[in-house]
Amino acid sequence: MPRLPLLSTVEVVKALSKIGYVFDHQSGSHVILRNDQPPHRRAVVPNRKEVPRGTLRAIVREAGLTPEEFIKLLS
Protein backbone atom coordinates (compact mmCIF):
# COMPACT_ATOMS: atom_id res chain seq x y z
CA MET A 1 0.00 0.00 0.00
CA PRO A 2 1.56 3.33 -1.00
CA ARG A 3 2.17 6.03 1.56
CA LEU A 4 -0.14 9.00 1.13
CA PRO A 5 1.62 12.38 0.90
CA LEU A 6 0.97 15.29 3.24
CA LEU A 7 -1.49 17.56 1.45
CA SER A 8 -3.30 20.79 2.23
CA THR A 9 -7.07 21.06 2.23
CA VAL A 10 -6.97 22.87 -1.12
CA GLU A 11 -4.99 20.02 -2.73
CA VAL A 12 -7.38 17.38 -1.37
CA VAL A 13 -10.45 19.32 -2.58
CA LYS A 14 -8.86 19.80 -6.02
CA ALA A 15 -8.13 16.07 -6.35
CA LEU A 16 -11.65 15.06 -5.28
CA SER A 17 -13.21 17.60 -7.65
CA LYS A 18 -11.71 15.61 -10.54
CA ILE A 19 -14.11 12.76 -9.76
CA GLY A 20 -17.24 14.86 -9.28
CA TYR A 21 -17.02 16.21 -5.73
CA VAL A 22 -18.22 19.79 -5.32
CA PHE A 23 -18.28 22.17 -2.37
CA ASP A 24 -21.50 21.70 -0.41
CA HIS A 25 -20.91 23.83 2.69
CA GLN A 26 -18.47 24.57 5.48
CA SER A 27 -19.20 23.74 9.07
CA GLY A 28 -16.70 25.37 11.41
CA SER A 29 -13.24 24.25 10.34
CA HIS A 30 -14.45 21.42 8.08
CA VAL A 31 -15.22 21.60 4.37
CA ILE A 32 -18.08 19.33 3.31
CA LEU A 33 -17.93 18.03 -0.26
CA ARG A 34 -20.74 16.21 -2.05
CA ASN A 35 -20.53 13.99 -5.10
CA ASP A 36 -23.02 14.99 -7.80
CA GLN A 37 -23.02 11.50 -9.29
CA PRO A 38 -24.60 8.45 -7.65
CA PRO A 39 -24.08 7.20 -4.96
CA HIS A 40 -23.93 10.90 -3.82
CA ARG A 41 -21.26 10.36 -1.19
CA ARG A 42 -20.00 13.09 1.10
CA ALA A 43 -16.44 13.78 2.13
CA VAL A 44 -15.48 15.86 5.15
CA VAL A 45 -12.08 17.57 4.88
CA PRO A 46 -10.60 19.51 7.81
CA ASN A 47 -9.47 23.01 6.83
CA ARG A 48 -5.75 22.77 7.67
CA LYS A 49 -2.37 23.49 6.11
CA GLU A 50 -1.54 19.78 6.24
CA VAL A 51 -4.19 17.07 6.53
CA PRO A 52 -2.79 14.24 8.71
CA ARG A 53 -2.14 11.00 6.84
CA GLY A 54 -4.61 8.97 8.91
CA THR A 55 -7.32 11.55 8.31
CA LEU A 56 -6.49 11.62 4.60
CA ARG A 57 -6.73 7.83 4.45
CA ALA A 58 -10.22 8.03 6.03
CA ILE A 59 -11.25 10.73 3.51
CA VAL A 60 -10.04 8.55 0.63
CA ARG A 61 -12.03 5.63 2.06
CA GLU A 62 -15.15 7.84 2.43
CA ALA A 63 -14.81 8.82 -1.22
CA GLY A 64 -14.81 5.15 -2.23
CA LEU A 65 -11.25 5.23 -3.59
CA THR A 66 -8.11 3.24 -2.98
CA PRO A 67 -4.92 5.10 -2.03
CA GLU A 68 -3.50 4.26 -5.48
CA GLU A 69 -6.52 5.80 -7.25
CA PHE A 70 -6.29 8.91 -5.10
CA ILE A 71 -2.57 9.38 -5.80
CA LYS A 72 -3.31 9.22 -9.56
CA LEU A 73 -5.77 12.11 -9.10
CA LEU A 74 -2.99 14.31 -7.73
CA SER A 75 -1.17 14.50 -11.06
PDB file of N, CA and C in Angstrom:
ATOM      1  N   MET A   1       0.852  -1.170   0.000  1.00  0.00           N
ATOM      2  CA  MET A   1       0.000   0.000   0.000  1.00  0.00           C
ATOM      3  C   MET A   1       0.903   1.240   0.000  1.00  0.00           C
ATOM      4  N   PRO A   2       0.695   2.154  -0.939  1.00  0.00           N
ATOM      5  CA  PRO A   2       1.556   3.335  -0.997  1.00  0.00           C
ATOM      6  C   PRO A   2       1.281   4.301   0.153  1.00  0.00           C
ATOM      7  N   ARG A   3       2.294   5.050   0.492  1.00  0.00           N
ATOM      8  CA  ARG A   3       2.166   6.033   1.558  1.00  0.00           C
ATOM      9  C   ARG A   3       1.551   7.303   0.976  1.00  0.00           C
ATOM     10  N   LEU A   4       0.502   7.784   1.598  1.00  0.00           N
ATOM     11  CA  LEU A   4      -0.143   9.005   1.130  1.00  0.00           C
ATOM     12  C   LEU A   4       0.707  10.216   1.499  1.00  0.00           C
ATOM     13  N   PRO A   5       0.816  11.187   0.598  1.00  0.00           N
ATOM     14  CA  PRO A   5       1.619  12.383   0.898  1.00  0.00           C
ATOM     15  C   PRO A   5       0.870  13.330   1.830  1.00  0.00           C
ATOM     16  N   LEU A   6       1.604  14.243   2.438  1.00  0.00           N
ATOM     17  CA  LEU A   6       0.974  15.292   3.236  1.00  0.00           C
ATOM     18  C   LEU A   6       0.437  16.339   2.270  1.00  0.00           C
ATOM     19  N   LEU A   7      -0.847  16.625   2.364  1.00  0.00           N
ATOM     20  CA  LEU A   7      -1.495  17.562   1.451  1.00  0.00           C
ATOM     21  C   LEU A   7      -2.264  18.604   2.238  1.00  0.00           C
ATOM     22  N   SER A   8      -2.457  19.761   1.624  1.00  0.00           N
ATOM     23  CA  SER A   8      -3.298  20.789   2.227  1.00  0.00           C
ATOM     24  C   SER A   8      -4.749  20.506   1.868  1.00  0.00           C
ATOM     25  N   THR A   9      -5.640  21.203   2.513  1.00  0.00           N
ATOM     26  CA  THR A   9      -7.066  21.057   2.225  1.00  0.00           C
ATOM     27  C   THR A   9      -7.358  21.393   0.775  1.00  0.00           C
ATOM     28  N   VAL A  10      -6.741  22.448   0.259  1.00  0.00           N
ATOM     29  CA  VAL A  10      -6.970  22.868  -1.124  1.00  0.00           C
ATOM     30  C   VAL A  10      -6.573  21.763  -2.102  1.00  0.00           C
ATOM     31  N   GLU A  11      -5.450  21.093  -1.848  1.00  0.00           N
ATOM     32  CA  GLU A  11      -4.995  20.019  -2.728  1.00  0.00           C
ATOM     33  C   GLU A  11      -5.938  18.815  -2.684  1.00  0.00           C
ATOM     34  N   VAL A  12      -6.449  18.498  -1.505  1.00  0.00           N
ATOM     35  CA  VAL A  12      -7.382  17.377  -1.366  1.00  0.00           C
ATOM     36  C   VAL A  12      -8.684  17.694  -2.100  1.00  0.00           C
ATOM     37  N   VAL A  13      -9.200  18.912  -1.921  1.00  0.00           N
ATOM     38  CA  VAL A  13     -10.446  19.315  -2.583  1.00  0.00           C
ATOM     39  C   VAL A  13     -10.269  19.300  -4.100  1.00  0.00           C
ATOM     40  N   LYS A  14      -9.125  19.778  -4.579  1.00  0.00           N
ATOM     41  CA  LYS A  14      -8.859  19.804  -6.020  1.00  0.00           C
ATOM     42  C   LYS A  14      -8.828  18.385  -6.596  1.00  0.00           C
ATOM     43  N   ALA A  15      -8.201  17.460  -5.889  1.00  0.00           N
ATOM     44  CA  ALA A  15      -8.128  16.075  -6.352  1.00  0.00           C
ATOM     45  C   ALA A  15      -9.517  15.442  -6.380  1.00  0.00           C
ATOM     46  N   LEU A  16     -10.309  15.654  -5.331  1.00  0.00           N
ATOM     47  CA  LEU A  16     -11.653  15.060  -5.282  1.00  0.00           C
ATOM     48  C   LEU A  16     -12.593  15.701  -6.300  1.00  0.00           C
ATOM     49  N   SER A  17     -12.348  16.952  -6.655  1.00  0.00           N
ATOM     50  CA  SER A  17     -13.208  17.601  -7.650  1.00  0.00           C
ATOM     51  C   SER A  17     -13.053  16.954  -9.024  1.00  0.00           C
ATOM     52  N   LYS A  18     -11.933  16.288  -9.267  1.00  0.00           N
ATOM     53  CA  LYS A  18     -11.708  15.607 -10.543  1.00  0.00           C
ATOM     54  C   LYS A  18     -12.636  14.417 -10.734  1.00  0.00           C
ATOM     55  N   ILE A  19     -13.200  13.905  -9.640  1.00  0.00           N
ATOM     56  CA  ILE A  19     -14.114  12.758  -9.755  1.00  0.00           C
ATOM     57  C   ILE A  19     -15.544  13.141  -9.396  1.00  0.00           C
ATOM     58  N   GLY A  20     -15.858  14.440  -9.441  1.00  0.00           N
ATOM     59  CA  GLY A  20     -17.238  14.860  -9.285  1.00  0.00           C
ATOM     60  C   GLY A  20     -17.626  15.435  -7.939  1.00  0.00           C
ATOM     61  N   TYR A  21     -16.690  15.615  -7.022  1.00  0.00           N
ATOM     62  CA  TYR A  21     -17.024  16.211  -5.729  1.00  0.00           C
ATOM     63  C   TYR A  21     -17.050  17.725  -5.863  1.00  0.00           C
ATOM     64  N   VAL A  22     -18.078  18.337  -5.294  1.00  0.00           N
ATOM     65  CA  VAL A  22     -18.224  19.794  -5.323  1.00  0.00           C
ATOM     66  C   VAL A  22     -18.436  20.293  -3.890  1.00  0.00           C
ATOM     67  N   PHE A  23     -18.106  21.555  -3.682  1.00  0.00           N
ATOM     68  CA  PHE A  23     -18.278  22.173  -2.370  1.00  0.00           C
ATOM     69  C   PHE A  23     -19.766  22.192  -2.030  1.00  0.00           C
ATOM     70  N   ASP A  24     -20.114  21.677  -0.868  1.00  0.00           N
ATOM     71  CA  ASP A  24     -21.504  21.699  -0.405  1.00  0.00           C
ATOM     72  C   ASP A  24     -21.665  22.820   0.616  1.00  0.00           C
ATOM     73  N   HIS A  25     -20.885  22.764   1.692  1.00  0.00           N
ATOM     74  CA  HIS A  25     -20.908  23.831   2.688  1.00  0.00           C
ATOM     75  C   HIS A  25     -19.702  23.668   3.610  1.00  0.00           C
ATOM     76  N   GLN A  26     -19.534  24.642   4.485  1.00  0.00           N
ATOM     77  CA  GLN A  26     -18.467  24.570   5.478  1.00  0.00           C
ATOM     78  C   GLN A  26     -19.094  24.664   6.852  1.00  0.00           C
ATOM     79  N   SER A  27     -18.689  23.762   7.712  1.00  0.00           N
ATOM     80  CA  SER A  27     -19.200  23.736   9.072  1.00  0.00           C
ATOM     81  C   SER A  27     -18.011  23.901  10.010  1.00  0.00           C
ATOM     82  N   GLY A  28     -17.842  25.098  10.545  1.00  0.00           N
ATOM     83  CA  GLY A  28     -16.696  25.366  11.407  1.00  0.00           C
ATOM     84  C   GLY A  28     -15.413  25.270  10.611  1.00  0.00           C
ATOM     85  N   SER A  29     -14.514  24.390  11.027  1.00  0.00           N
ATOM     86  CA  SER A  29     -13.238  24.246  10.339  1.00  0.00           C
ATOM     87  C   SER A  29     -13.212  23.028   9.416  1.00  0.00           C
ATOM     88  N   HIS A  30     -14.374  22.568   8.976  1.00  0.00           N
ATOM     89  CA  HIS A  30     -14.452  21.417   8.085  1.00  0.00           C
ATOM     90  C   HIS A  30     -15.182  21.786   6.805  1.00  0.00           C
ATOM     91  N   VAL A  31     -14.609  21.386   5.675  1.00  0.00           N
ATOM     92  CA  VAL A  31     -15.218  21.600   4.368  1.00  0.00           C
ATOM     93  C   VAL A  31     -15.976  20.325   4.012  1.00  0.00           C
ATOM     94  N   ILE A  32     -17.244  20.468   3.668  1.00  0.00           N
ATOM     95  CA  ILE A  32     -18.081  19.335   3.314  1.00  0.00           C
ATOM     96  C   ILE A  32     -18.223  19.318   1.799  1.00  0.00           C
ATOM     97  N   LEU A  33     -17.818  18.202   1.175  1.00  0.00           N
ATOM     98  CA  LEU A  33     -17.932  18.031  -0.264  1.00  0.00           C
ATOM     99  C   LEU A  33     -19.002  16.997  -0.545  1.00  0.00           C
ATOM    100  N   ARG A  34     -19.680  17.152  -1.674  1.00  0.00           N
ATOM    101  CA  ARG A  34     -20.739  16.215  -2.052  1.00  0.00           C
ATOM    102  C   ARG A  34     -20.498  15.772  -3.482  1.00  0.00           C
ATOM    103  N   ASN A  35     -20.687  14.509  -3.751  1.00  0.00           N
ATOM    104  CA  ASN A  35     -20.532  13.985  -5.099  1.00  0.00           C
ATOM    105  C   ASN A  35     -21.851  14.139  -5.839  1.00  0.00           C
ATOM    106  N   ASP A  36     -21.801  14.775  -7.005  1.00  0.00           N
ATOM    107  CA  ASP A  36     -23.018  14.988  -7.798  1.00  0.00           C
ATOM    108  C   ASP A  36     -23.517  13.715  -8.455  1.00  0.00           C
ATOM    109  N   GLN A  37     -22.642  12.733  -8.610  1.00  0.00           N
ATOM    110  CA  GLN A  37     -23.018  11.499  -9.293  1.00  0.00           C
ATOM    111  C   GLN A  37     -23.360  10.424  -8.262  1.00  0.00           C
ATOM    112  N   PRO A  38     -24.294   9.530  -8.597  1.00  0.00           N
ATOM    113  CA  PRO A  38     -24.603   8.452  -7.654  1.00  0.00           C
ATOM    114  C   PRO A  38     -23.347   7.694  -7.290  1.00  0.00           C
ATOM    115  N   PRO A  39     -23.160   7.292  -6.072  1.00  0.00           N
ATOM    116  CA  PRO A  39     -24.083   7.204  -4.957  1.00  0.00           C
ATOM    117  C   PRO A  39     -24.125   8.441  -4.069  1.00  0.00           C
ATOM    118  N   HIS A  40     -23.804   9.626  -4.552  1.00  0.00           N
ATOM    119  CA  HIS A  40     -23.932  10.897  -3.824  1.00  0.00           C
ATOM    120  C   HIS A  40     -23.249  10.860  -2.456  1.00  0.00           C
ATOM    121  N   ARG A  41     -22.018  10.433  -2.446  1.00  0.00           N
ATOM    122  CA  ARG A  41     -21.258  10.360  -1.193  1.00  0.00           C
ATOM    123  C   ARG A  41     -20.825  11.742  -0.741  1.00  0.00           C
ATOM    124  N   ARG A  42     -20.533  11.847   0.539  1.00  0.00           N
ATOM    125  CA  ARG A  42     -19.996  13.086   1.103  1.00  0.00           C
ATOM    126  C   ARG A  42     -18.599  12.819   1.619  1.00  0.00           C
ATOM    127  N   ALA A  43     -17.787  13.853   1.565  1.00  0.00           N
ATOM    128  CA  ALA A  43     -16.440  13.777   2.128  1.00  0.00           C
ATOM    129  C   ALA A  43     -16.244  14.997   3.012  1.00  0.00           C
ATOM    130  N   VAL A  44     -15.712  14.783   4.191  1.00  0.00           N
ATOM    131  CA  VAL A  44     -15.478  15.864   5.146  1.00  0.00           C
ATOM    132  C   VAL A  44     -13.966  16.062   5.251  1.00  0.00           C
ATOM    133  N   VAL A  45     -13.512  17.274   4.885  1.00  0.00           N
ATOM    134  CA  VAL A  45     -12.080  17.571   4.881  1.00  0.00           C
ATOM    135  C   VAL A  45     -11.812  18.680   5.893  1.00  0.00           C
ATOM    136  N   PRO A  46     -10.916  18.443   6.861  1.00  0.00           N
ATOM    137  CA  PRO A  46     -10.600  19.511   7.813  1.00  0.00           C
ATOM    138  C   PRO A  46      -9.826  20.622   7.106  1.00  0.00           C
ATOM    139  N   ASN A  47     -10.121  21.860   7.458  1.00  0.00           N
ATOM    140  CA  ASN A  47      -9.473  23.006   6.828  1.00  0.00           C
ATOM    141  C   ASN A  47      -8.157  23.281   7.552  1.00  0.00           C
ATOM    142  N   ARG A  48      -7.070  22.679   7.041  1.00  0.00           N
ATOM    143  CA  ARG A  48      -5.752  22.775   7.673  1.00  0.00           C
ATOM    144  C   ARG A  48      -4.684  22.942   6.608  1.00  0.00           C
ATOM    145  N   LYS A  49      -3.499  23.386   7.039  1.00  0.00           N
ATOM    146  CA  LYS A  49      -2.368  23.486   6.110  1.00  0.00           C
ATOM    147  C   LYS A  49      -1.941  22.110   5.643  1.00  0.00           C
ATOM    148  N   GLU A  50      -1.894  21.155   6.566  1.00  0.00           N
ATOM    149  CA  GLU A  50      -1.542  19.780   6.245  1.00  0.00           C
ATOM    150  C   GLU A  50      -2.564  18.843   6.880  1.00  0.00           C
ATOM    151  N   VAL A  51      -3.222  18.056   6.040  1.00  0.00           N
ATOM    152  CA  VAL A  51      -4.186  17.074   6.534  1.00  0.00           C
ATOM    153  C   VAL A  51      -3.379  15.854   6.978  1.00  0.00           C
ATOM    154  N   PRO A  52      -3.542  15.407   8.227  1.00  0.00           N
ATOM    155  CA  PRO A  52      -2.787  14.240   8.707  1.00  0.00           C
ATOM    156  C   PRO A  52      -3.049  13.013   7.838  1.00  0.00           C
ATOM    157  N   ARG A  53      -2.033  12.162   7.725  1.00  0.00           N
ATOM    158  CA  ARG A  53      -2.142  10.999   6.839  1.00  0.00           C
ATOM    159  C   ARG A  53      -3.288  10.071   7.207  1.00  0.00           C
ATOM    160  N   GLY A  54      -3.502   9.845   8.490  1.00  0.00           N
ATOM    161  CA  GLY A  54      -4.608   8.970   8.910  1.00  0.00           C
ATOM    162  C   GLY A  54      -5.956   9.558   8.543  1.00  0.00           C
ATOM    163  N   THR A  55      -6.082  10.861   8.687  1.00  0.00           N
ATOM    164  CA  THR A  55      -7.321  11.547   8.310  1.00  0.00           C
ATOM    165  C   THR A  55      -7.504  11.483   6.800  1.00  0.00           C
ATOM    166  N   LEU A  56      -6.427  11.684   6.058  1.00  0.00           N
ATOM    167  CA  LEU A  56      -6.494  11.615   4.598  1.00  0.00           C
ATOM    168  C   LEU A  56      -6.897  10.226   4.143  1.00  0.00           C
ATOM    169  N   ARG A  57      -6.361   9.216   4.798  1.00  0.00           N
ATOM    170  CA  ARG A  57      -6.732   7.833   4.453  1.00  0.00           C
ATOM    171  C   ARG A  57      -8.234   7.610   4.678  1.00  0.00           C
ATOM    172  N   ALA A  58      -8.781   8.164   5.752  1.00  0.00           N
ATOM    173  CA  ALA A  58     -10.218   8.030   6.025  1.00  0.00           C
ATOM    174  C   ALA A  58     -11.032   8.781   4.975  1.00  0.00           C
ATOM    175  N   ILE A  59     -10.560   9.953   4.548  1.00  0.00           N
ATOM    176  CA  ILE A  59     -11.252  10.730   3.509  1.00  0.00           C
ATOM    177  C   ILE A  59     -11.266   9.953   2.202  1.00  0.00           C
ATOM    178  N   VAL A  60     -10.135   9.353   1.857  1.00  0.00           N
ATOM    179  CA  VAL A  60     -10.044   8.549   0.628  1.00  0.00           C
ATOM    180  C   VAL A  60     -11.013   7.381   0.702  1.00  0.00           C
ATOM    181  N   ARG A  61     -11.099   6.742   1.861  1.00  0.00           N
ATOM    182  CA  ARG A  61     -12.030   5.630   2.055  1.00  0.00           C
ATOM    183  C   ARG A  61     -13.481   6.108   1.931  1.00  0.00           C
ATOM    184  N   GLU A  62     -13.798   7.274   2.536  1.00  0.00           N
ATOM    185  CA  GLU A  62     -15.154   7.841   2.433  1.00  0.00           C
ATOM    186  C   GLU A  62     -15.537   8.102   0.991  1.00  0.00           C
ATOM    187  N   ALA A  63     -14.553   8.501   0.183  1.00  0.00           N
ATOM    188  CA  ALA A  63     -14.808   8.817  -1.216  1.00  0.00           C
ATOM    189  C   ALA A  63     -14.944   7.561  -2.077  1.00  0.00           C
ATOM    190  N   GLY A  64     -14.674   6.404  -1.488  1.00  0.00           N
ATOM    191  CA  GLY A  64     -14.807   5.152  -2.231  1.00  0.00           C
ATOM    192  C   GLY A  64     -13.620   4.873  -3.132  1.00  0.00           C
ATOM    193  N   LEU A  65     -12.451   5.413  -2.786  1.00  0.00           N
ATOM    194  CA  LEU A  65     -11.246   5.233  -3.588  1.00  0.00           C
ATOM    195  C   LEU A  65     -10.221   4.398  -2.836  1.00  0.00           C
ATOM    196  N   THR A  66      -9.281   3.860  -3.591  1.00  0.00           N
ATOM    197  CA  THR A  66      -8.113   3.240  -2.979  1.00  0.00           C
ATOM    198  C   THR A  66      -7.026   4.305  -2.922  1.00  0.00           C
ATOM    199  N   PRO A  67      -6.018   4.126  -2.065  1.00  0.00           N
ATOM    200  CA  PRO A  67      -4.924   5.103  -2.031  1.00  0.00           C
ATOM    201  C   PRO A  67      -4.248   5.275  -3.396  1.00  0.00           C
ATOM    202  N   GLU A  68      -4.116   4.182  -4.149  1.00  0.00           N
ATOM    203  CA  GLU A  68      -3.499   4.258  -5.476  1.00  0.00           C
ATOM    204  C   GLU A  68      -4.320   5.141  -6.414  1.00  0.00           C
ATOM    205  N   GLU A  69      -5.649   4.980  -6.400  1.00  0.00           N
ATOM    206  CA  GLU A  69      -6.524   5.797  -7.250  1.00  0.00           C
ATOM    207  C   GLU A  69      -6.443   7.272  -6.858  1.00  0.00           C
ATOM    208  N   PHE A  70      -6.367   7.545  -5.558  1.00  0.00           N
ATOM    209  CA  PHE A  70      -6.288   8.912  -5.105  1.00  0.00           C
ATOM    210  C   PHE A  70      -4.973   9.557  -5.530  1.00  0.00           C
ATOM    211  N   ILE A  71      -3.869   8.839  -5.420  1.00  0.00           N
ATOM    212  CA  ILE A  71      -2.572   9.379  -5.800  1.00  0.00           C
ATOM    213  C   ILE A  71      -2.555   9.713  -7.298  1.00  0.00           C
ATOM    214  N   LYS A  72      -3.225   8.922  -8.125  1.00  0.00           N
ATOM    215  CA  LYS A  72      -3.309   9.222  -9.555  1.00  0.00           C
ATOM    216  C   LYS A  72      -4.059  10.530  -9.803  1.00  0.00           C
ATOM    217  N   LEU A  73      -5.021  10.864  -8.949  1.00  0.00           N
ATOM    218  CA  LEU A  73      -5.769  12.112  -9.102  1.00  0.00           C
ATOM    219  C   LEU A  73      -4.922  13.339  -8.817  1.00  0.00           C
ATOM    220  N   LEU A  74      -3.832  13.167  -8.103  1.00  0.00           N
ATOM    221  CA  LEU A  74      -2.989  14.307  -7.733  1.00  0.00           C
ATOM    222  C   LEU A  74      -2.175  14.840  -8.908  1.00  0.00           C
ATOM    223  N   SER A  75      -1.980  14.040  -9.933  1.00  0.00           N
ATOM    224  CA  SER A  75      -1.170  14.496 -11.058  1.00  0.00           C
ATOM    225  C   SER A  75      -1.986  15.213 -12.109  1.00  0.00           C
TER     226      SER A  75
END
